Amino acid sequence: MMPLEVRTDLDEDIYVEIDSTRGDEPPASWFEAVARDVLRYESIKPPFEVSIVLTDEDTVHTMNRQYRNVDAPTDVIAFYTEDPGATAGQFVLPGDGVRRLGDVVISYPQAVEQAAEQGHGVGKELTLLVIHGVLHLLGYDHEVPGDAERMRGREATLLKLFAGRHFE
């Protein structure tokens, strides 16, 4: 049997699905750019894959209930492929050299509502949610105070760097 060849010609694979019918959503290319910038600032080198789904509140609520056992709406859920924790060795991943980071699912109506509550634009709120979701894929968390401070600090730093580039 031939050894599996690790491909080095692959690049960034950022898949975006806009599953929202409001009509005022940013284009897929905007989400790709934000995710790409987060990954670059976190020193993630290609090849990698990540997906972002912009959807409705009911879909994200259902996912929150099904996968997190929390029966409440939420703004963003991240499903990581690479487990940075103690169970990381339990999963067998393809040996092609591509880092499959996972999926970020964002509730667009929740983002619009939160932007209004915070008194800033939807672009800023969506930028924050993409940052938050991608950071989760990279192992950041906010369940315990020390981790929460680290994650919130990184979010704030990236949000400041992205001002004027991804939102006004």
Protein backbone atom coordinates (compact mmCIF):
# COMPACT_ATOMS: atom_id res chain seq x y z
CA MET A 1 0.00 0.00 0.00
CA MET A 2 1.34 3.44 -0.95
CA PRO A 3 1.79 6.01 1.81
CA LEU A 4 -0.73 8.84 1.83
CA GLU A 5 0.64 11.92 0.13
CA VAL A 6 0.32 15.13 2.12
CA ARG A 7 -0.88 17.83 -0.24
CA THR A 8 0.85 21.17 0.05
CA ASP A 9 -0.83 22.83 -2.94
CA LEU A 10 -4.09 23.49 -1.12
CA ASP A 11 -4.93 26.93 0.12
CA GLU A 12 -7.54 28.47 2.31
CA ASP A 13 -10.94 26.84 1.96
CA ILE A 14 -13.49 29.09 3.61
CA TYR A 15 -17.00 27.97 2.77
CA VAL A 16 -19.86 30.39 3.45
CA GLU A 17 -23.54 29.56 3.24
CA ILE A 18 -26.07 32.38 3.47
CA ASP A 19 -29.27 30.66 4.60
CA SER A 20 -31.17 33.82 5.43
CA THR A 21 -33.93 35.47 3.45
CA ARG A 22 -33.94 38.99 4.87
CA GLY A 23 -32.13 40.36 1.84
CA ASP A 24 -29.75 42.72 3.67
CA GLU A 25 -27.06 40.18 4.59
CA PRO A 26 -23.44 40.89 3.68
CA PRO A 27 -22.15 38.80 0.77
CA ALA A 28 -20.29 35.53 1.32
CA SER A 29 -17.02 37.24 0.33
CA TRP A 30 -17.33 39.56 3.36
CA PHE A 31 -17.58 36.60 5.76
CA GLU A 32 -14.63 34.92 4.01
CA ALA A 33 -12.52 38.05 4.49
CA VAL A 34 -13.32 38.35 8.20
CA ALA A 35 -12.63 34.65 8.86
CA ARG A 36 -9.41 34.80 6.81
CA ASP A 37 -8.20 37.80 8.83
CA VAL A 38 -8.94 36.11 12.16
CA LEU A 39 -7.01 33.02 11.06
CA ARG A 40 -4.07 35.10 9.83
CA TYR A 41 -3.88 37.09 13.06
CA GLU A 42 -3.97 33.80 14.96
CA SER A 43 -1.06 32.54 12.80
CA ILE A 44 -3.03 29.71 11.19
CA LYS A 45 -1.27 28.72 7.99
CA PRO A 46 -2.94 27.06 5.00
CA PRO A 47 -4.04 24.55 4.08
CA PHE A 48 -7.19 24.72 6.17
CA GLU A 49 -10.95 24.45 5.87
CA VAL A 50 -13.59 26.32 7.82
CA SER A 51 -17.26 26.98 7.15
CA ILE A 52 -19.55 29.78 8.19
CA VAL A 53 -23.31 29.52 7.99
CA LEU A 54 -25.58 32.54 8.39
CA THR A 55 -29.05 31.33 9.20
CA ASP A 56 -32.24 32.06 11.13
CA GLU A 57 -32.92 32.14 14.86
CA ASP A 58 -34.94 28.91 14.91
CA THR A 59 -32.14 26.89 13.32
CA VAL A 60 -29.53 28.14 15.80
CA HIS A 61 -31.94 27.65 18.72
CA THR A 62 -32.54 24.05 17.62
CA MET A 63 -28.78 23.43 17.37
CA ASN A 64 -28.24 24.97 20.79
CA ARG A 65 -30.87 22.64 22.27
CA GLN A 66 -29.69 19.54 20.38
CA TYR A 67 -25.92 19.90 20.79
CA ARG A 68 -25.48 21.96 23.96
CA ASN A 69 -28.64 20.97 25.87
CA VAL A 70 -29.52 24.66 26.21
CA ASP A 71 -33.12 25.38 25.18
CA ALA A 72 -32.62 29.06 24.37
CA PRO A 73 -31.76 31.17 21.36
CA THR A 74 -28.13 32.14 20.90
CA ASP A 75 -26.15 34.25 18.48
CA VAL A 76 -23.33 31.90 17.41
CA ILE A 77 -22.42 28.24 17.80
CA ALA A 78 -19.09 26.71 16.82
CA PHE A 79 -18.53 23.05 16.01
CA TYR A 80 -14.81 22.36 16.02
CA THR A 81 -13.15 19.43 14.30
CA GLU A 82 -9.81 19.75 16.04
CA ASP A 83 -10.32 19.12 19.73
CA PRO A 84 -7.69 21.09 21.65
CA GLY A 85 -8.57 19.33 24.89
CA ALA A 86 -7.71 16.04 26.53
CA THR A 87 -9.71 13.98 24.04
CA ALA A 88 -7.80 15.26 21.00
CA GLY A 89 -6.16 11.90 20.35
CA GLN A 90 -9.49 10.08 20.16
CA PHE A 91 -10.42 11.34 16.70
CA VAL A 92 -8.97 10.04 13.46
CA LEU A 93 -8.60 12.80 10.90
CA PRO A 94 -7.60 12.55 7.25
CA GLY A 95 -3.86 12.51 6.71
CA ASP A 96 -3.84 14.93 3.78
CA GLY A 97 -2.37 17.79 5.79
CA VAL A 98 -5.49 19.95 5.63
CA ARG A 99 -6.63 21.37 8.96
CA ARG A 100 -10.40 21.03 9.07
CA LEU A 101 -11.16 23.57 11.75
CA GLY A 102 -14.94 23.23 11.87
CA ASP A 103 -18.14 25.20 11.42
CA VAL A 104 -19.42 28.52 12.74
CA VAL A 105 -23.20 29.00 12.67
CA ILE A 106 -24.55 32.52 13.20
CA SER A 107 -28.14 33.64 13.78
CA TYR A 108 -28.58 36.69 11.56
CA PRO A 109 -31.75 37.93 13.30
CA GLN A 110 -29.99 37.64 16.66
CA ALA A 111 -27.03 39.65 15.28
CA VAL A 112 -29.38 42.38 14.04
CA GLU A 113 -31.13 42.52 17.42
CA GLN A 114 -27.86 42.61 19.38
CA ALA A 115 -26.45 45.36 17.15
CA ALA A 116 -29.52 47.51 17.89
CA GLU A 117 -29.25 46.78 21.63
CA GLN A 118 -25.53 47.71 21.64
CA GLY A 119 -26.04 50.82 19.53
CA HIS A 120 -23.67 49.84 16.74
CA GLY A 121 -24.00 48.57 13.19
CA VAL A 122 -24.81 45.05 12.11
CA GLY A 123 -21.42 44.82 10.40
CA LYS A 124 -19.63 45.31 13.71
CA GLU A 125 -21.85 42.73 15.42
CA LEU A 126 -21.33 40.17 12.66
CA THR A 127 -17.58 40.82 12.77
CA LEU A 128 -17.60 40.12 16.49
CA LEU A 129 -19.62 36.92 16.01
CA VAL A 130 -17.28 35.63 13.28
CA ILE A 131 -14.28 36.43 15.50
CA HIS A 132 -15.95 34.70 18.46
CA GLY A 133 -16.88 31.60 16.48
CA VAL A 134 -13.48 31.20 14.80
CA LEU A 135 -11.69 31.68 18.12
CA HIS A 136 -13.81 28.83 19.52
CA LEU A 137 -12.65 26.64 16.61
CA LEU A 138 -9.07 27.45 17.62
CA GLY A 139 -9.56 26.39 21.24
CA TYR A 140 -10.56 29.62 22.94
CA ASP A 141 -13.36 29.31 25.49
CA HIS A 142 -15.21 31.40 28.05
CA GLU A 143 -16.64 28.88 30.47
CA VAL A 144 -14.17 29.63 33.28
CA PRO A 145 -13.03 33.14 34.31
CA GLY A 146 -9.39 32.91 33.19
CA ASP A 147 -10.36 31.52 29.80
CA ALA A 148 -13.12 34.10 29.43
CA GLU A 149 -10.70 36.99 30.04
CA ARG A 150 -8.27 35.59 27.47
CA MET A 151 -10.99 35.12 24.85
CA ARG A 152 -12.70 38.49 25.46
CA GLY A 153 -9.33 40.22 25.33
CA ARG A 154 -8.49 38.62 22.00
CA GLU A 155 -11.93 39.48 20.62
CA ALA A 156 -11.48 43.12 21.64
CA THR A 157 -8.01 43.28 20.06
CA LEU A 158 -9.20 41.78 16.77
CA LEU A 159 -12.35 43.93 16.70
CA LYS A 160 -10.19 47.04 17.07
CA LEU A 161 -7.84 45.85 14.29
CA PHE A 162 -10.78 45.16 11.96
CA ALA A 163 -12.52 48.54 12.47
CA GLY A 164 -12.62 50.43 9.19
CA ARG A 165 -11.78 47.27 7.29
CA HIS A 166 -14.80 45.06 7.95
CA PHE A 167 -17.17 47.56 9.55
CA GLU A 168 -17.51 51.31 10.11
